[in-house]
Amino acid sequence: MRRPKRPLFLARAPYRRRRLRDAARLLPVLGAFLLLLPLLWTPGSRMALTSGDVVYFFSVWLVLIVLAAAFAPGLRGGEGADDEED
């Protein structure tokens, strides 16, 4: 007798938890890109920071903190929670 096939699609909760974990893993990459972005818009060899650059750095820093705080409640489920449902 054959076993019943497993469903092709995952349940919503583990799927969303995995995508949230993926987004949290990409957050440092996004932050590094956004923090290095002013180096691309500086003309020539000028490496002096202007007040606008400093405001930009602190704004990006604040946005990264807010995003990390928004992701944190969804990441509390733990690693083993998905393994049982797979």
PDB file of N, CA and C in Angstrom:
ATOM      1  N   MET A   1       0.837  -1.179   0.000  1.00  0.00           N
ATOM      2  CA  MET A   1       0.000   0.000   0.000  1.00  0.00           C
ATOM      3  C   MET A   1       0.887   1.250   0.000  1.00  0.00           C
ATOM      4  N   ARG A   2       0.557   2.188  -0.847  1.00  0.00           N
ATOM      5  CA  ARG A   2       1.352   3.403  -0.973  1.00  0.00           C
ATOM      6  C   ARG A   2       0.939   4.437   0.063  1.00  0.00           C
ATOM      7  N   ARG A   3       1.935   5.189   0.483  1.00  0.00           N
ATOM      8  CA  ARG A   3       1.639   6.285   1.412  1.00  0.00           C
ATOM      9  C   ARG A   3       0.939   7.404   0.668  1.00  0.00           C
ATOM     10  N   PRO A   4       0.109   8.160   1.365  1.00  0.00           N
ATOM     11  CA  PRO A   4      -0.483   9.337   0.695  1.00  0.00           C
ATOM     12  C   PRO A   4       0.607  10.362   0.422  1.00  0.00           C
ATOM     13  N   LYS A   5       0.480  11.029  -0.698  1.00  0.00           N
ATOM     14  CA  LYS A   5       1.469  12.043  -1.068  1.00  0.00           C
ATOM     15  C   LYS A   5       1.381  13.234  -0.139  1.00  0.00           C
ATOM     16  N   ARG A   6       2.555  13.826   0.093  1.00  0.00           N
ATOM     17  CA  ARG A   6       2.587  15.052   0.895  1.00  0.00           C
ATOM     18  C   ARG A   6       2.079  16.194   0.045  1.00  0.00           C
ATOM     19  N   PRO A   7       1.497  17.183   0.661  1.00  0.00           N
ATOM     20  CA  PRO A   7       1.031  18.326  -0.133  1.00  0.00           C
ATOM     21  C   PRO A   7       2.198  19.026  -0.813  1.00  0.00           C
ATOM     22  N   LEU A   8       1.934  19.530  -1.991  1.00  0.00           N
ATOM     23  CA  LEU A   8       2.963  20.187  -2.782  1.00  0.00           C
ATOM     24  C   LEU A   8       3.356  21.536  -2.186  1.00  0.00           C
ATOM     25  N   PHE A   9       2.407  22.245  -1.627  1.00  0.00           N
ATOM     26  CA  PHE A   9       2.655  23.581  -1.101  1.00  0.00           C
ATOM     27  C   PHE A   9       2.785  23.537   0.407  1.00  0.00           C
ATOM     28  N   LEU A  10       3.581  24.465   0.925  1.00  0.00           N
ATOM     29  CA  LEU A  10       3.743  24.590   2.364  1.00  0.00           C
ATOM     30  C   LEU A  10       2.575  25.345   2.967  1.00  0.00           C
ATOM     31  N   ALA A  11       2.412  25.168   4.245  1.00  0.00           N
ATOM     32  CA  ALA A  11       1.411  25.960   4.962  1.00  0.00           C
ATOM     33  C   ALA A  11       1.862  27.416   4.985  1.00  0.00           C
ATOM     34  N   ARG A  12       0.936  28.297   5.201  1.00  0.00           N
ATOM     35  CA  ARG A  12       1.265  29.735   5.148  1.00  0.00           C
ATOM     36  C   ARG A  12       2.248  30.172   6.223  1.00  0.00           C
ATOM     37  N   ALA A  13       2.051  29.723   7.440  1.00  0.00           N
ATOM     38  CA  ALA A  13       2.901  30.195   8.540  1.00  0.00           C
ATOM     39  C   ALA A  13       4.375  29.841   8.335  1.00  0.00           C
ATOM     40  N   PRO A  14       4.732  28.588   8.032  1.00  0.00           N
ATOM     41  CA  PRO A  14       6.164  28.305   7.811  1.00  0.00           C
ATOM     42  C   PRO A  14       6.723  29.018   6.588  1.00  0.00           C
ATOM     43  N   TYR A  15       5.916  29.156   5.550  1.00  0.00           N
ATOM     44  CA  TYR A  15       6.376  29.845   4.351  1.00  0.00           C
ATOM     45  C   TYR A  15       6.692  31.305   4.661  1.00  0.00           C
ATOM     46  N   ARG A  16       5.811  31.972   5.381  1.00  0.00           N
ATOM     47  CA  ARG A  16       6.043  33.381   5.730  1.00  0.00           C
ATOM     48  C   ARG A  16       7.224  33.524   6.675  1.00  0.00           C
ATOM     49  N   ARG A  17       7.379  32.576   7.610  1.00  0.00           N
ATOM     50  CA  ARG A  17       8.503  32.620   8.531  1.00  0.00           C
ATOM     51  C   ARG A  17       9.828  32.475   7.770  1.00  0.00           C
ATOM     52  N   ARG A  18       9.848  31.591   6.789  1.00  0.00           N
ATOM     53  CA  ARG A  18      11.065  31.419   5.988  1.00  0.00           C
ATOM     54  C   ARG A  18      11.373  32.660   5.166  1.00  0.00           C
ATOM     55  N   ARG A  19      10.367  33.264   4.561  1.00  0.00           N
ATOM     56  CA  ARG A  19      10.611  34.480   3.769  1.00  0.00           C
ATOM     57  C   ARG A  19      11.057  35.625   4.672  1.00  0.00           C
ATOM     58  N   LEU A  20      10.513  35.689   5.882  1.00  0.00           N
ATOM     59  CA  LEU A  20      10.930  36.723   6.824  1.00  0.00           C
ATOM     60  C   LEU A  20      12.384  36.512   7.241  1.00  0.00           C
ATOM     61  N   ARG A  21      12.759  35.242   7.445  1.00  0.00           N
ATOM     62  CA  ARG A  21      14.155  34.941   7.755  1.00  0.00           C
ATOM     63  C   ARG A  21      15.062  35.314   6.593  1.00  0.00           C
ATOM     64  N   ASP A  22      14.625  35.055   5.365  1.00  0.00           N
ATOM     65  CA  ASP A  22      15.409  35.436   4.188  1.00  0.00           C
ATOM     66  C   ASP A  22      15.576  36.947   4.114  1.00  0.00           C
ATOM     67  N   ALA A  23      14.509  37.676   4.395  1.00  0.00           N
ATOM     68  CA  ALA A  23      14.592  39.137   4.373  1.00  0.00           C
ATOM     69  C   ALA A  23      15.535  39.638   5.467  1.00  0.00           C
ATOM     70  N   ALA A  24      15.501  39.001   6.632  1.00  0.00           N
ATOM     71  CA  ALA A  24      16.401  39.408   7.715  1.00  0.00           C
ATOM     72  C   ALA A  24      17.853  39.117   7.358  1.00  0.00           C
ATOM     73  N   ARG A  25      18.094  38.051   6.603  1.00  0.00           N
ATOM     74  CA  ARG A  25      19.461  37.748   6.174  1.00  0.00           C
ATOM     75  C   ARG A  25      19.955  38.745   5.137  1.00  0.00           C
ATOM     76  N   LEU A  26      19.080  39.297   4.343  1.00  0.00           N
ATOM     77  CA  LEU A  26      19.469  40.264   3.328  1.00  0.00           C
ATOM     78  C   LEU A  26      19.597  41.688   3.876  1.00  0.00           C
ATOM     79  N   LEU A  27      19.095  41.925   5.061  1.00  0.00           N
ATOM     80  CA  LEU A  27      19.127  43.270   5.642  1.00  0.00           C
ATOM     81  C   LEU A  27      20.553  43.820   5.794  1.00  0.00           C
ATOM     82  N   PRO A  28      21.543  43.055   6.253  1.00  0.00           N
ATOM     83  CA  PRO A  28      22.905  43.614   6.315  1.00  0.00           C
ATOM     84  C   PRO A  28      23.478  43.939   4.939  1.00  0.00           C
ATOM     85  N   VAL A  29      23.126  43.140   3.932  1.00  0.00           N
ATOM     86  CA  VAL A  29      23.609  43.417   2.577  1.00  0.00           C
ATOM     87  C   VAL A  29      23.003  44.726   2.074  1.00  0.00           C
ATOM     88  N   LEU A  30      21.714  44.898   2.293  1.00  0.00           N
ATOM     89  CA  LEU A  30      21.051  46.146   1.915  1.00  0.00           C
ATOM     90  C   LEU A  30      21.663  47.327   2.661  1.00  0.00           C
ATOM     91  N   GLY A  31      21.929  47.148   3.955  1.00  0.00           N
ATOM     92  CA  GLY A  31      22.526  48.216   4.743  1.00  0.00           C
ATOM     93  C   GLY A  31      23.907  48.594   4.257  1.00  0.00           C
ATOM     94  N   ALA A  32      24.715  47.594   3.923  1.00  0.00           N
ATOM     95  CA  ALA A  32      26.061  47.886   3.413  1.00  0.00           C
ATOM     96  C   ALA A  32      25.988  48.632   2.089  1.00  0.00           C
ATOM     97  N   PHE A  33      25.073  48.212   1.220  1.00  0.00           N
ATOM     98  CA  PHE A  33      24.915  48.905  -0.058  1.00  0.00           C
ATOM     99  C   PHE A  33      24.485  50.353   0.148  1.00  0.00           C
ATOM    100  N   LEU A  34      23.487  50.563   1.016  1.00  0.00           N
ATOM    101  CA  LEU A  34      22.996  51.921   1.243  1.00  0.00           C
ATOM    102  C   LEU A  34      24.039  52.806   1.921  1.00  0.00           C
ATOM    103  N   LEU A  35      24.868  52.222   2.788  1.00  0.00           N
ATOM    104  CA  LEU A  35      25.896  53.027   3.449  1.00  0.00           C
ATOM    105  C   LEU A  35      27.078  53.328   2.532  1.00  0.00           C
ATOM    106  N   LEU A  36      27.324  52.475   1.554  1.00  0.00           N
ATOM    107  CA  LEU A  36      28.411  52.723   0.608  1.00  0.00           C
ATOM    108  C   LEU A  36      27.962  53.540  -0.598  1.00  0.00           C
ATOM    109  N   LEU A  37      26.682  53.750  -0.741  1.00  0.00           N
ATOM    110  CA  LEU A  37      26.140  54.485  -1.875  1.00  0.00           C
ATOM    111  C   LEU A  37      26.689  55.907  -2.008  1.00  0.00           C
ATOM    112  N   PRO A  38      26.911  56.648  -0.920  1.00  0.00           N
ATOM    113  CA  PRO A  38      27.469  57.998  -1.092  1.00  0.00           C
ATOM    114  C   PRO A  38      28.845  58.016  -1.739  1.00  0.00           C
ATOM    115  N   LEU A  39      29.590  56.920  -1.640  1.00  0.00           N
ATOM    116  CA  LEU A  39      30.893  56.881  -2.312  1.00  0.00           C
ATOM    117  C   LEU A  39      30.730  56.903  -3.823  1.00  0.00           C
ATOM    118  N   LEU A  40      29.603  56.421  -4.314  1.00  0.00           N
ATOM    119  CA  LEU A  40      29.364  56.413  -5.753  1.00  0.00           C
ATOM    120  C   LEU A  40      28.964  57.786  -6.278  1.00  0.00           C
ATOM    121  N   TRP A  41      28.327  58.587  -5.442  1.00  0.00           N
ATOM    122  CA  TRP A  41      27.877  59.878  -5.952  1.00  0.00           C
ATOM    123  C   TRP A  41      28.849  61.014  -5.648  1.00  0.00           C
ATOM    124  N   THR A  42      29.992  60.724  -5.018  1.00  0.00           N
ATOM    125  CA  THR A  42      30.989  61.771  -4.793  1.00  0.00           C
ATOM    126  C   THR A  42      31.792  61.989  -6.065  1.00  0.00           C
ATOM    127  N   PRO A  43      31.881  63.212  -6.519  1.00  0.00           N
ATOM    128  CA  PRO A  43      32.615  63.468  -7.771  1.00  0.00           C
ATOM    129  C   PRO A  43      34.124  63.423  -7.563  1.00  0.00           C
ATOM    130  N   GLY A  44      34.799  62.715  -8.450  1.00  0.00           N
ATOM    131  CA  GLY A  44      36.263  62.693  -8.443  1.00  0.00           C
ATOM    132  C   GLY A  44      36.841  62.066  -7.194  1.00  0.00           C
ATOM    133  N   SER A  45      37.869  62.698  -6.672  1.00  0.00           N
ATOM    134  CA  SER A  45      38.560  62.148  -5.507  1.00  0.00           C
ATOM    135  C   SER A  45      38.160  62.860  -4.215  1.00  0.00           C
ATOM    136  N   ARG A  46      37.072  63.582  -4.240  1.00  0.00           N
ATOM    137  CA  ARG A  46      36.622  64.303  -3.042  1.00  0.00           C
ATOM    138  C   ARG A  46      36.092  63.297  -2.026  1.00  0.00           C
ATOM    139  N   MET A  47      36.724  63.182  -0.883  1.00  0.00           N
ATOM    140  CA  MET A  47      36.302  62.222   0.127  1.00  0.00           C
ATOM    141  C   MET A  47      35.843  62.902   1.415  1.00  0.00           C
ATOM    142  N   ALA A  48      35.627  64.195   1.393  1.00  0.00           N
ATOM    143  CA  ALA A  48      35.159  64.907   2.571  1.00  0.00           C
ATOM    144  C   ALA A  48      33.661  64.704   2.729  1.00  0.00           C
ATOM    145  N   LEU A  49      33.236  64.445   3.951  1.00  0.00           N
ATOM    146  CA  LEU A  49      31.811  64.270   4.222  1.00  0.00           C
ATOM    147  C   LEU A  49      31.149  65.629   4.381  1.00  0.00           C
ATOM    148  N   THR A  50      30.030  65.780   3.741  1.00  0.00           N
ATOM    149  CA  THR A  50      29.242  66.996   3.914  1.00  0.00           C
ATOM    150  C   THR A  50      28.175  66.730   4.958  1.00  0.00           C
ATOM    151  N   SER A  51      27.479  67.764   5.360  1.00  0.00           N
ATOM    152  CA  SER A  51      26.429  67.586   6.364  1.00  0.00           C
ATOM    153  C   SER A  51      25.292  66.725   5.797  1.00  0.00           C
ATOM    154  N   GLY A  52      25.048  66.828   4.504  1.00  0.00           N
ATOM    155  CA  GLY A  52      24.018  65.992   3.887  1.00  0.00           C
ATOM    156  C   GLY A  52      24.374  64.515   3.932  1.00  0.00           C
ATOM    157  N   ASP A  53      25.673  64.205   3.772  1.00  0.00           N
ATOM    158  CA  ASP A  53      26.123  62.818   3.863  1.00  0.00           C
ATOM    159  C   ASP A  53      25.929  62.265   5.271  1.00  0.00           C
ATOM    160  N   VAL A  54      26.221  63.078   6.263  1.00  0.00           N
ATOM    161  CA  VAL A  54      26.064  62.640   7.650  1.00  0.00           C
ATOM    162  C   VAL A  54      24.591  62.401   7.964  1.00  0.00           C
ATOM    163  N   VAL A  55      23.728  63.288   7.518  1.00  0.00           N
ATOM    164  CA  VAL A  55      22.288  63.103   7.722  1.00  0.00           C
ATOM    165  C   VAL A  55      21.824  61.833   7.014  1.00  0.00           C
ATOM    166  N   TYR A  56      22.352  61.589   5.815  1.00  0.00           N
ATOM    167  CA  TYR A  56      22.002  60.372   5.070  1.00  0.00           C
ATOM    168  C   TYR A  56      22.426  59.123   5.841  1.00  0.00           C
ATOM    169  N   PHE A  57      23.667  59.106   6.365  1.00  0.00           N
ATOM    170  CA  PHE A  57      24.144  57.948   7.119  1.00  0.00           C
ATOM    171  C   PHE A  57      23.262  57.661   8.325  1.00  0.00           C
ATOM    172  N   PHE A  58      22.916  58.696   9.093  1.00  0.00           N
ATOM    173  CA  PHE A  58      22.085  58.482  10.264  1.00  0.00           C
ATOM    174  C   PHE A  58      20.656  58.094   9.886  1.00  0.00           C
ATOM    175  N   SER A  59      20.168  58.592   8.774  1.00  0.00           N
ATOM    176  CA  SER A  59      18.833  58.193   8.314  1.00  0.00           C
ATOM    177  C   SER A  59      18.813  56.720   7.915  1.00  0.00           C
ATOM    178  N   VAL A  60      19.825  56.290   7.181  1.00  0.00           N
ATOM    179  CA  VAL A  60      19.912  54.873   6.797  1.00  0.00           C
ATOM    180  C   VAL A  60      20.055  54.000   8.032  1.00  0.00           C
ATOM    181  N   TRP A  61      20.860  54.442   8.973  1.00  0.00           N
ATOM    182  CA  TRP A  61      21.057  53.697  10.208  1.00  0.00           C
ATOM    183  C   TRP A  61      19.728  53.546  10.959  1.00  0.00           C
ATOM    184  N   LEU A  62      18.973  54.632  11.049  1.00  0.00           N
ATOM    185  CA  LEU A  62      17.687  54.594  11.727  1.00  0.00           C
ATOM    186  C   LEU A  62      16.704  53.667  10.996  1.00  0.00           C
ATOM    187  N   VAL A  63      16.676  53.725   9.680  1.00  0.00           N
ATOM    188  CA  VAL A  63      15.778  52.850   8.907  1.00  0.00           C
ATOM    189  C   VAL A  63      16.151  51.386   9.098  1.00  0.00           C
ATOM    190  N   LEU A  64      17.436  51.080   9.139  1.00  0.00           N
ATOM    191  CA  LEU A  64      17.863  49.698   9.368  1.00  0.00           C
ATOM    192  C   LEU A  64      17.457  49.210  10.760  1.00  0.00           C
ATOM    193  N   ILE A  65      17.551  50.070  11.751  1.00  0.00           N
ATOM    194  CA  ILE A  65      17.123  49.702  13.101  1.00  0.00           C
ATOM    195  C   ILE A  65      15.621  49.436  13.132  1.00  0.00           C
ATOM    196  N   VAL A  66      14.851  50.291  12.479  1.00  0.00           N
ATOM    197  CA  VAL A  66      13.389  50.120  12.457  1.00  0.00           C
ATOM    198  C   VAL A  66      13.014  48.831  11.725  1.00  0.00           C
ATOM    199  N   LEU A  67      13.676  48.552  10.606  1.00  0.00           N
ATOM    200  CA  LEU A  67      13.395  47.318   9.876  1.00  0.00           C
ATOM    201  C   LEU A  67      13.755  46.080  10.695  1.00  0.00           C
ATOM    202  N   ALA A  68      14.886  46.114  11.375  1.00  0.00           N
ATOM    203  CA  ALA A  68      15.281  44.983  12.213  1.00  0.00           C
ATOM    204  C   ALA A  68      14.288  44.787  13.361  1.00  0.00           C
ATOM    205  N   ALA A  69      13.809  45.884  13.938  1.00  0.00           N
ATOM    206  CA  ALA A  69      12.817  45.782  15.003  1.00  0.00           C
ATOM    207  C   ALA A  69      11.483  45.255  14.472  1.00  0.00           C
ATOM    208  N   ALA A  70      11.161  45.582  13.222  1.00  0.00           N
ATOM    209  CA  ALA A  70       9.918  45.078  12.633  1.00  0.00           C
ATOM    210  C   ALA A  70      10.016  43.583  12.316  1.00  0.00           C
ATOM    211  N   PHE A  71      11.212  43.117  11.952  1.00  0.00           N
ATOM    212  CA  PHE A  71      11.400  41.696  11.641  1.00  0.00           C
ATOM    213  C   PHE A  71      11.493  40.838  12.902  1.00  0.00           C
ATOM    214  N   ALA A  72      11.939  41.397  13.998  1.00  0.00           N
ATOM    215  CA  ALA A  72      12.245  40.632  15.200  1.00  0.00           C
ATOM    216  C   ALA A  72      11.073  39.808  15.745  1.00  0.00           C
ATOM    217  N   PRO A  73       9.858  40.338  15.860  1.00  0.00           N
ATOM    218  CA  PRO A  73       8.787  39.500  16.420  1.00  0.00           C
ATOM    219  C   PRO A  73       8.488  38.258  15.588  1.00  0.00           C
ATOM    220  N   GLY A  74       8.605  38.345  14.297  1.00  0.00           N
ATOM    221  CA  GLY A  74       8.341  37.192  13.446  1.00  0.00           C
ATOM    222  C   GLY A  74       9.438  36.157  13.465  1.00  0.00           C
ATOM    223  N   LEU A  75      10.613  36.527  13.936  1.00  0.00           N
ATOM    224  CA  LEU A  75      11.748  35.607  13.970  1.00  0.00           C
ATOM    225  C   LEU A  75      11.867  34.870  15.290  1.00  0.00           C
ATOM    226  N   ARG A  76      11.007  35.148  16.230  1.00  0.00           N
ATOM    227  CA  ARG A  76      11.105  34.523  17.546  1.00  0.00           C
ATOM    228  C   ARG A  76      10.665  33.065  17.550  1.00  0.00           C
ATOM    229  N   GLY A  77      10.038  32.569  16.475  1.00  0.00           N
ATOM    230  CA  GLY A  77       9.522  31.208  16.450  1.00  0.00           C
ATOM    231  C   GLY A  77      10.583  30.141  16.626  1.00  0.00           C
ATOM    232  N   GLY A  78      11.815  30.426  16.296  1.00  0.00           N
ATOM    233  CA  GLY A  78      12.887  29.466  16.453  1.00  0.00           C
ATOM    234  C   GLY A  78      13.125  28.672  15.198  1.00  0.00           C
ATOM    235  N   GLU A  79      14.264  28.006  15.150  1.00  0.00           N
ATOM    236  CA  GLU A  79      14.650  27.239  13.973  1.00  0.00           C
ATOM    237  C   GLU A  79      13.901  25.914  13.904  1.00  0.00           C
ATOM    238  N   GLY A  80      13.637  25.273  15.016  1.00  0.00           N
ATOM    239  CA  GLY A  80      13.037  23.948  15.005  1.00  0.00           C
ATOM    240  C   GLY A  80      11.554  23.937  14.681  1.00  0.00           C
ATOM    241  N   ALA A  81      10.905  25.079  14.678  1.00  0.00           N
ATOM    242  CA  ALA A  81       9.459  25.118  14.439  1.00  0.00           C
ATOM    243  C   ALA A  81       9.116  24.708  13.020  1.00  0.00           C
ATOM    244  N   ASP A  82       9.972  25.030  12.050  1.00  0.00           N
ATOM    245  CA  ASP A  82       9.696  24.676  10.665  1.00  0.00           C
ATOM    246  C   ASP A  82       9.971  23.203  10.396  1.00  0.00           C
ATOM    247  N   ASP A  83      10.922  22.614  11.108  1.00  0.00           N
ATOM    248  CA  ASP A  83      11.315  21.244  10.828  1.00  0.00           C
ATOM    249  C   ASP A  83      10.179  20.257  11.089  1.00  0.00           C
ATOM    250  N   GLU A  84       9.375  20.548  12.082  1.00  0.00           N
ATOM    251  CA  GLU A  84       8.267  19.647  12.405  1.00  0.00           C
ATOM    252  C   GLU A  84       7.180  19.676  11.355  1.00  0.00           C
ATOM    253  N   GLU A  85       7.006  20.828  10.718  1.00  0.00           N
ATOM    254  CA  GLU A  85       5.915  20.964   9.763  1.00  0.00           C
ATOM    255  C   GLU A  85       6.318  20.572   8.364  1.00  0.00           C
ATOM    256  N   ASP A  86       7.629  20.380   8.084  1.00  0.00           N
ATOM    257  CA  ASP A  86       8.087  20.002   6.744  1.00  0.00           C
ATOM    258  C   ASP A  86       7.727  18.580   6.408  1.00  0.00           C
TER     259      ASP A  86
END
